[in-house]
């Protein structure tokens, strides 16, 4: 029962994250590049799934090791790798932050110059 629930929650999370990612692409990417960037998003998701399997293979404990103390070196090595990768990704994100702020501000300025669409009058509900 627990495995089934975990898989369902994982699948729900994947569905929610996918919709949010595609919405962000639709918001920030020019219309002519939307399809290409959505395809790039799915390629990035595929690469991340592959990297998850690489991490799982690094964390794999051989069958002949049964003592938790012996497995400690495997997990220590894994967490060291993940820690350094996390630090590297943080540095890249901080370096890219000014560019992202510039792109976000230019998008907001462009959107602010357009008049909003008029409200739609519904014939079905007889609203004025």
N, C-alpha and C. Protein backbone atom coordinates (compact mmCIF):
# COMPACT_ATOMS: atom_id res chain seq x y z
N UNK A 1 0.83 -1.20 0.00
CA UNK A 1 0.00 0.00 0.00
C UNK A 1 0.87 1.25 0.00
N UNK A 2 1.92 1.28 0.82
CA UNK A 2 2.77 2.46 0.93
C UNK A 2 3.48 2.78 -0.37
N UNK A 3 3.92 1.75 -1.10
CA UNK A 3 4.59 1.98 -2.37
C UNK A 3 3.65 2.58 -3.40
N UNK A 4 2.43 2.10 -3.42
CA UNK A 4 1.45 2.63 -4.36
C UNK A 4 1.11 4.09 -4.08
N UNK A 5 0.98 4.43 -2.81
CA UNK A 5 0.69 5.82 -2.44
C UNK A 5 1.86 6.73 -2.80
N UNK A 6 3.06 6.27 -2.53
CA UNK A 6 4.24 7.07 -2.87
C UNK A 6 4.35 7.31 -4.36
N UNK A 7 4.08 6.30 -5.16
CA UNK A 7 4.13 6.45 -6.61
C UNK A 7 3.05 7.40 -7.09
N UNK A 8 1.88 7.33 -6.50
CA UNK A 8 0.80 8.25 -6.89
C UNK A 8 1.16 9.70 -6.55
N UNK A 9 1.71 9.91 -5.37
CA UNK A 9 2.10 11.27 -4.99
C UNK A 9 3.24 11.78 -5.87
N UNK A 10 4.18 10.92 -6.18
CA UNK A 10 5.28 11.30 -7.08
C UNK A 10 4.73 11.68 -8.46
N UNK A 11 3.81 10.89 -8.98
CA UNK A 11 3.22 11.19 -10.29
C UNK A 11 2.43 12.50 -10.26
N UNK A 12 1.70 12.75 -9.18
CA UNK A 12 0.97 14.01 -9.04
C UNK A 12 1.94 15.18 -9.02
N UNK A 13 3.04 15.05 -8.28
CA UNK A 13 4.05 16.10 -8.25
C UNK A 13 4.65 16.35 -9.62
N UNK A 14 4.92 15.30 -10.37
CA UNK A 14 5.45 15.45 -11.72
C UNK A 14 4.47 16.22 -12.61
N UNK A 15 3.19 15.89 -12.51
CA UNK A 15 2.18 16.58 -13.32
C UNK A 15 2.10 18.06 -12.97
N UNK A 16 2.14 18.37 -11.69
CA UNK A 16 2.04 19.77 -11.26
C UNK A 16 3.28 20.56 -11.67
N UNK A 17 4.45 19.98 -11.52
CA UNK A 17 5.69 20.68 -11.88
C UNK A 17 5.76 20.87 -13.38
N UNK A 18 5.33 19.90 -14.15
CA UNK A 18 5.38 20.01 -15.61
C UNK A 18 4.51 21.16 -16.09
N UNK A 19 3.30 21.26 -15.56
CA UNK A 19 2.42 22.36 -15.96
C UNK A 19 2.99 23.72 -15.59
N UNK A 20 3.59 23.82 -14.42
CA UNK A 20 4.18 25.08 -14.00
C UNK A 20 5.38 25.45 -14.87
N UNK A 21 6.21 24.46 -15.19
CA UNK A 21 7.36 24.72 -16.06
C UNK A 21 6.94 25.20 -17.44
N UNK A 22 5.94 24.57 -18.00
CA UNK A 22 5.47 24.98 -19.32
C UNK A 22 4.81 26.36 -19.28
N UNK A 23 4.14 26.68 -18.18
CA UNK A 23 3.53 28.01 -18.04
C UNK A 23 4.61 29.09 -17.96
N UNK A 24 5.70 28.81 -17.28
CA UNK A 24 6.80 29.78 -17.20
C UNK A 24 7.46 29.97 -18.56
N UNK A 25 7.57 28.90 -19.32
CA UNK A 25 8.14 29.02 -20.66
C UNK A 25 7.22 29.87 -21.52
N UNK A 26 5.93 29.62 -21.45
CA UNK A 26 4.99 30.40 -22.25
C UNK A 26 5.01 31.87 -21.86
N UNK A 27 5.31 32.16 -20.61
CA UNK A 27 5.31 33.55 -20.15
C UNK A 27 6.56 34.30 -20.57
N UNK A 28 7.72 33.67 -20.45
CA UNK A 28 8.98 34.39 -20.63
C UNK A 28 9.62 34.24 -22.01
N UNK A 29 9.19 33.29 -22.79
CA UNK A 29 9.83 33.04 -24.08
C UNK A 29 9.02 33.71 -25.18
N UNK A 30 9.70 34.32 -26.15
CA UNK A 30 8.96 34.89 -27.28
C UNK A 30 8.14 33.81 -28.00
N UNK A 31 7.04 34.24 -28.57
CA UNK A 31 6.09 33.29 -29.16
C UNK A 31 6.73 32.42 -30.25
N UNK A 32 7.60 32.99 -31.04
CA UNK A 32 8.20 32.24 -32.14
C UNK A 32 9.12 31.12 -31.65
N UNK A 33 9.58 31.20 -30.40
CA UNK A 33 10.49 30.20 -29.86
C UNK A 33 9.81 29.27 -28.87
N UNK A 34 8.50 29.42 -28.67
CA UNK A 34 7.79 28.66 -27.65
C UNK A 34 7.91 27.15 -27.82
N UNK A 35 7.66 26.65 -29.01
CA UNK A 35 7.72 25.21 -29.24
C UNK A 35 9.11 24.64 -29.02
N UNK A 36 10.12 25.36 -29.50
CA UNK A 36 11.50 24.92 -29.32
C UNK A 36 11.86 24.85 -27.84
N UNK A 37 11.50 25.88 -27.10
CA UNK A 37 11.87 25.92 -25.69
C UNK A 37 11.08 24.89 -24.87
N UNK A 38 9.84 24.61 -25.26
CA UNK A 38 9.09 23.57 -24.56
C UNK A 38 9.73 22.21 -24.83
N UNK A 39 10.20 22.00 -26.05
CA UNK A 39 10.94 20.77 -26.35
C UNK A 39 12.23 20.68 -25.55
N UNK A 40 12.93 21.82 -25.42
CA UNK A 40 14.15 21.86 -24.62
C UNK A 40 13.84 21.55 -23.15
N UNK A 41 12.68 22.02 -22.69
CA UNK A 41 12.27 21.73 -21.31
C UNK A 41 12.12 20.22 -21.11
N UNK A 42 11.47 19.56 -22.07
CA UNK A 42 11.29 18.12 -21.93
C UNK A 42 12.62 17.36 -22.05
N UNK A 43 13.54 17.86 -22.86
CA UNK A 43 14.87 17.25 -22.93
C UNK A 43 15.57 17.40 -21.57
N UNK A 44 15.45 18.58 -20.95
CA UNK A 44 16.05 18.79 -19.63
C UNK A 44 15.43 17.87 -18.59
N UNK A 45 14.12 17.64 -18.66
CA UNK A 45 13.47 16.71 -17.74
C UNK A 45 14.01 15.31 -17.96
N UNK A 46 14.20 14.90 -19.20
CA UNK A 46 14.76 13.58 -19.49
C UNK A 46 16.17 13.44 -18.96
N UNK A 47 16.98 14.48 -19.13
CA UNK A 47 18.35 14.44 -18.62
C UNK A 47 18.34 14.34 -17.10
N UNK A 48 17.45 15.07 -16.46
CA UNK A 48 17.39 15.00 -14.99
C UNK A 48 16.97 13.61 -14.53
N UNK A 49 16.07 12.97 -15.25
CA UNK A 49 15.69 11.60 -14.89
C UNK A 49 16.89 10.65 -15.03
N UNK A 50 17.67 10.84 -16.09
CA UNK A 50 18.88 10.03 -16.27
C UNK A 50 19.87 10.28 -15.13
N UNK A 51 20.08 11.55 -14.78
CA UNK A 51 21.01 11.86 -13.69
C UNK A 51 20.53 11.28 -12.37
N UNK A 52 19.22 11.19 -12.19
CA UNK A 52 18.69 10.53 -11.00
C UNK A 52 19.08 9.06 -10.95
N UNK A 53 19.09 8.40 -12.11
CA UNK A 53 19.51 6.99 -12.13
C UNK A 53 21.01 6.86 -11.86
N UNK A 54 21.79 7.85 -12.30
CA UNK A 54 23.23 7.83 -12.01
C UNK A 54 23.46 7.95 -10.51
N UNK A 55 22.73 8.85 -9.86
CA UNK A 55 22.86 9.00 -8.41
C UNK A 55 22.44 7.71 -7.71
N UNK A 56 21.38 7.08 -8.19
CA UNK A 56 20.93 5.82 -7.58
C UNK A 56 21.99 4.74 -7.74
N UNK A 57 22.68 4.71 -8.88
CA UNK A 57 23.75 3.73 -9.08
C UNK A 57 24.93 4.00 -8.16
N UNK A 58 25.24 5.27 -7.91
CA UNK A 58 26.33 5.59 -6.98
C UNK A 58 25.95 5.15 -5.57
N UNK A 59 24.68 5.30 -5.22
CA UNK A 59 24.22 4.96 -3.87
C UNK A 59 24.00 3.46 -3.67
N UNK A 60 24.10 2.70 -4.74
CA UNK A 60 23.84 1.26 -4.65
C UNK A 60 24.85 0.59 -3.71
N UNK A 61 24.35 -0.19 -2.79
CA UNK A 61 25.19 -0.95 -1.86
C UNK A 61 25.35 -2.36 -2.42
N UNK A 62 26.59 -2.82 -2.59
CA UNK A 62 26.79 -4.20 -3.08
C UNK A 62 26.15 -5.21 -2.13
N UNK A 63 25.78 -6.35 -2.69
CA UNK A 63 25.08 -7.38 -1.91
C UNK A 63 25.93 -7.95 -0.79
N UNK A 64 27.26 -7.95 -0.95
CA UNK A 64 28.12 -8.55 0.07
C UNK A 64 28.35 -7.64 1.29
N UNK A 65 27.92 -6.39 1.22
CA UNK A 65 28.06 -5.48 2.36
C UNK A 65 26.75 -5.49 3.15
N UNK A 66 26.84 -5.95 4.38
CA UNK A 66 25.66 -5.98 5.26
C UNK A 66 25.82 -5.10 6.47
N UNK A 67 27.05 -4.71 6.77
CA UNK A 67 27.32 -3.87 7.94
C UNK A 67 27.10 -2.40 7.58
N UNK A 68 26.26 -1.69 8.34
CA UNK A 68 26.02 -0.27 8.04
C UNK A 68 27.29 0.59 8.08
N UNK A 69 28.25 0.21 8.90
CA UNK A 69 29.49 1.00 8.98
C UNK A 69 30.27 0.90 7.67
N UNK A 70 30.23 -0.26 7.04
CA UNK A 70 30.92 -0.42 5.76
C UNK A 70 30.25 0.39 4.66
N UNK A 71 28.95 0.55 4.73
CA UNK A 71 28.25 1.32 3.70
C UNK A 71 28.41 2.83 3.90
N UNK A 72 28.93 3.23 5.05
CA UNK A 72 29.08 4.65 5.35
C UNK A 72 29.98 5.36 4.34
N UNK A 73 31.05 4.71 3.88
CA UNK A 73 31.95 5.36 2.91
C UNK A 73 31.24 5.60 1.58
N UNK A 74 30.36 4.70 1.18
CA UNK A 74 29.62 4.88 -0.08
C UNK A 74 28.71 6.10 0.02
N UNK A 75 27.97 6.20 1.13
CA UNK A 75 27.06 7.32 1.28
C UNK A 75 27.79 8.64 1.52
N UNK A 76 28.91 8.58 2.23
CA UNK A 76 29.71 9.80 2.43
C UNK A 76 30.21 10.32 1.09
N UNK A 77 30.69 9.42 0.24
CA UNK A 77 31.15 9.81 -1.10
C UNK A 77 30.00 10.42 -1.91
N UNK A 78 28.83 9.79 -1.87
CA UNK A 78 27.66 10.29 -2.60
C UNK A 78 27.26 11.68 -2.12
N UNK A 79 27.18 11.88 -0.81
CA UNK A 79 26.75 13.18 -0.30
C UNK A 79 27.80 14.26 -0.54
N UNK A 80 29.07 13.89 -0.57
CA UNK A 80 30.10 14.86 -0.93
C UNK A 80 29.93 15.31 -2.38
N UNK A 81 29.70 14.36 -3.27
CA UNK A 81 29.48 14.70 -4.68
C UNK A 81 28.25 15.60 -4.82
N UNK A 82 27.14 15.20 -4.19
CA UNK A 82 25.91 15.99 -4.29
C UNK A 82 26.08 17.38 -3.67
N UNK A 83 26.83 17.48 -2.60
CA UNK A 83 27.08 18.78 -1.97
C UNK A 83 27.85 19.71 -2.88
N UNK A 84 28.91 19.19 -3.51
CA UNK A 84 29.71 20.03 -4.42
C UNK A 84 28.93 20.41 -5.67
N UNK A 85 28.11 19.50 -6.17
CA UNK A 85 27.26 19.82 -7.32
C UNK A 85 26.25 20.90 -6.94
N UNK A 86 25.68 20.79 -5.75
CA UNK A 86 24.74 21.80 -5.27
C UNK A 86 25.39 23.17 -5.13
N UNK A 87 26.60 23.20 -4.60
CA UNK A 87 27.33 24.47 -4.47
C UNK A 87 27.61 25.05 -5.85
N UNK A 88 28.03 24.20 -6.79
CA UNK A 88 28.29 24.67 -8.15
C UNK A 88 27.04 25.23 -8.82
N UNK A 89 25.92 24.56 -8.65
CA UNK A 89 24.66 25.05 -9.23
C UNK A 89 24.24 26.37 -8.59
N UNK A 90 24.49 26.52 -7.30
CA UNK A 90 24.17 27.77 -6.62
C UNK A 90 25.01 28.91 -7.18
N UNK A 91 26.28 28.67 -7.42
CA UNK A 91 27.15 29.70 -7.98
C UNK A 91 26.67 30.10 -9.37
N UNK A 92 26.31 29.11 -10.19
CA UNK A 92 25.81 29.41 -11.54
C UNK A 92 24.52 30.23 -11.45
N UNK A 93 23.63 29.88 -10.54
CA UNK A 93 22.36 30.61 -10.39
C UNK A 93 22.60 32.04 -9.94
N UNK A 94 23.53 32.25 -9.02
CA UNK A 94 23.82 33.60 -8.54
C UNK A 94 24.44 34.44 -9.65
N UNK A 95 25.30 33.82 -10.45
CA UNK A 95 25.91 34.55 -11.58
C UNK A 95 24.85 34.93 -12.60
N UNK A 96 23.85 34.07 -12.83
CA UNK A 96 22.82 34.34 -13.83
C UNK A 96 21.70 35.24 -13.32
N UNK A 97 21.66 35.52 -12.02
CA UNK A 97 20.58 36.30 -11.43
C UNK A 97 20.42 37.69 -12.05
N UNK A 98 21.50 38.46 -12.29
CA UNK A 98 21.30 39.77 -12.92
C UNK A 98 20.67 39.67 -14.32
N UNK A 99 21.08 38.67 -15.09
CA UNK A 99 20.49 38.47 -16.42
C UNK A 99 19.01 38.13 -16.31
N UNK A 100 18.66 37.27 -15.37
CA UNK A 100 17.25 36.90 -15.21
C UNK A 100 16.42 38.10 -14.74
N UNK A 101 16.97 38.91 -13.85
CA UNK A 101 16.25 40.12 -13.42
C UNK A 101 16.05 41.08 -14.58
N UNK A 102 17.07 41.21 -15.43
CA UNK A 102 16.97 42.10 -16.60
C UNK A 102 15.89 41.59 -17.56
N UNK A 103 15.88 40.28 -17.82
CA UNK A 103 14.88 39.71 -18.72
C UNK A 103 13.47 39.84 -18.13
N UNK A 104 13.35 39.61 -16.83
CA UNK A 104 12.05 39.72 -16.19
C UNK A 104 11.54 41.16 -16.21
N UNK A 105 12.43 42.12 -15.97
CA UNK A 105 12.03 43.53 -15.99
C UNK A 105 11.62 43.96 -17.39
N UNK A 106 12.35 43.51 -18.41
CA UNK A 106 12.00 43.90 -19.78
C UNK A 106 10.66 43.29 -20.17
N UNK A 107 10.39 42.09 -19.69
CA UNK A 107 9.10 41.46 -19.99
C UNK A 107 7.97 42.22 -19.29
N UNK A 108 8.19 42.62 -18.04
CA UNK A 108 7.16 43.35 -17.30
C UNK A 108 6.90 44.70 -17.94
N UNK A 109 7.95 45.39 -18.41
CA UNK A 109 7.76 46.69 -19.05
C UNK A 109 6.98 46.56 -20.35
N UNK A 110 7.27 45.52 -21.11
CA UNK A 110 6.56 45.30 -22.37
C UNK A 110 5.09 45.00 -22.10
N UNK A 111 4.82 44.17 -21.11
CA UNK A 111 3.44 43.80 -20.79
C UNK A 111 2.66 44.99 -20.24
N UNK A 112 3.33 45.90 -19.55
CA UNK A 112 2.64 47.05 -18.95
C UNK A 112 2.17 48.04 -20.01
N UNK A 113 2.77 48.02 -21.22
CA UNK A 113 2.41 48.97 -22.27
C UNK A 113 1.14 48.58 -23.02
N UNK A 114 0.64 47.38 -22.83
CA UNK A 114 -0.54 46.93 -23.54
C UNK A 114 -1.80 47.19 -22.72
N UNK A 115 -2.87 47.55 -23.42
CA UNK A 115 -4.16 47.74 -22.78
C UNK A 115 -4.78 46.37 -22.53
N UNK A 116 -5.42 46.18 -21.40
CA UNK A 116 -6.07 44.89 -21.16
C UNK A 116 -7.26 44.71 -22.09
N UNK A 117 -7.57 43.47 -22.36
CA UNK A 117 -8.72 43.17 -23.22
C UNK A 117 -10.00 43.52 -22.49
N UNK A 118 -11.04 43.94 -23.22
CA UNK A 118 -12.30 44.26 -22.56
C UNK A 118 -12.95 43.00 -22.00
N UNK A 119 -13.78 43.18 -21.00
CA UNK A 119 -14.48 42.06 -20.40
C UNK A 119 -15.46 41.47 -21.40
N UNK A 120 -15.63 40.19 -21.34
CA UNK A 120 -16.53 39.50 -22.26
C UNK A 120 -17.93 39.50 -21.65
N UNK A 121 -18.89 39.90 -22.47
CA UNK A 121 -20.29 39.90 -22.01
C UNK A 121 -20.89 38.55 -22.34
N UNK A 122 -21.50 37.93 -21.36
CA UNK A 122 -22.06 36.61 -21.54
C UNK A 122 -23.53 36.70 -21.92
N UNK A 123 -23.88 36.15 -23.07
CA UNK A 123 -25.29 36.11 -23.49
C UNK A 123 -26.05 35.07 -22.67
N UNK A 124 -25.35 34.04 -22.23
CA UNK A 124 -26.00 32.95 -21.54
C UNK A 124 -26.59 33.38 -20.19
N UNK A 125 -25.88 34.23 -19.46
CA UNK A 125 -26.31 34.62 -18.13
C UNK A 125 -27.02 35.98 -18.11
N UNK A 126 -27.18 36.60 -19.28
CA UNK A 126 -27.88 37.86 -19.42
C UNK A 126 -27.29 38.93 -18.48
N UNK A 127 -25.98 39.08 -18.55
CA UNK A 127 -25.32 40.11 -17.75
C UNK A 127 -25.13 41.37 -18.60
N UNK A 128 -25.20 42.52 -17.99
CA UNK A 128 -25.07 43.77 -18.78
C UNK A 128 -23.64 44.00 -19.23
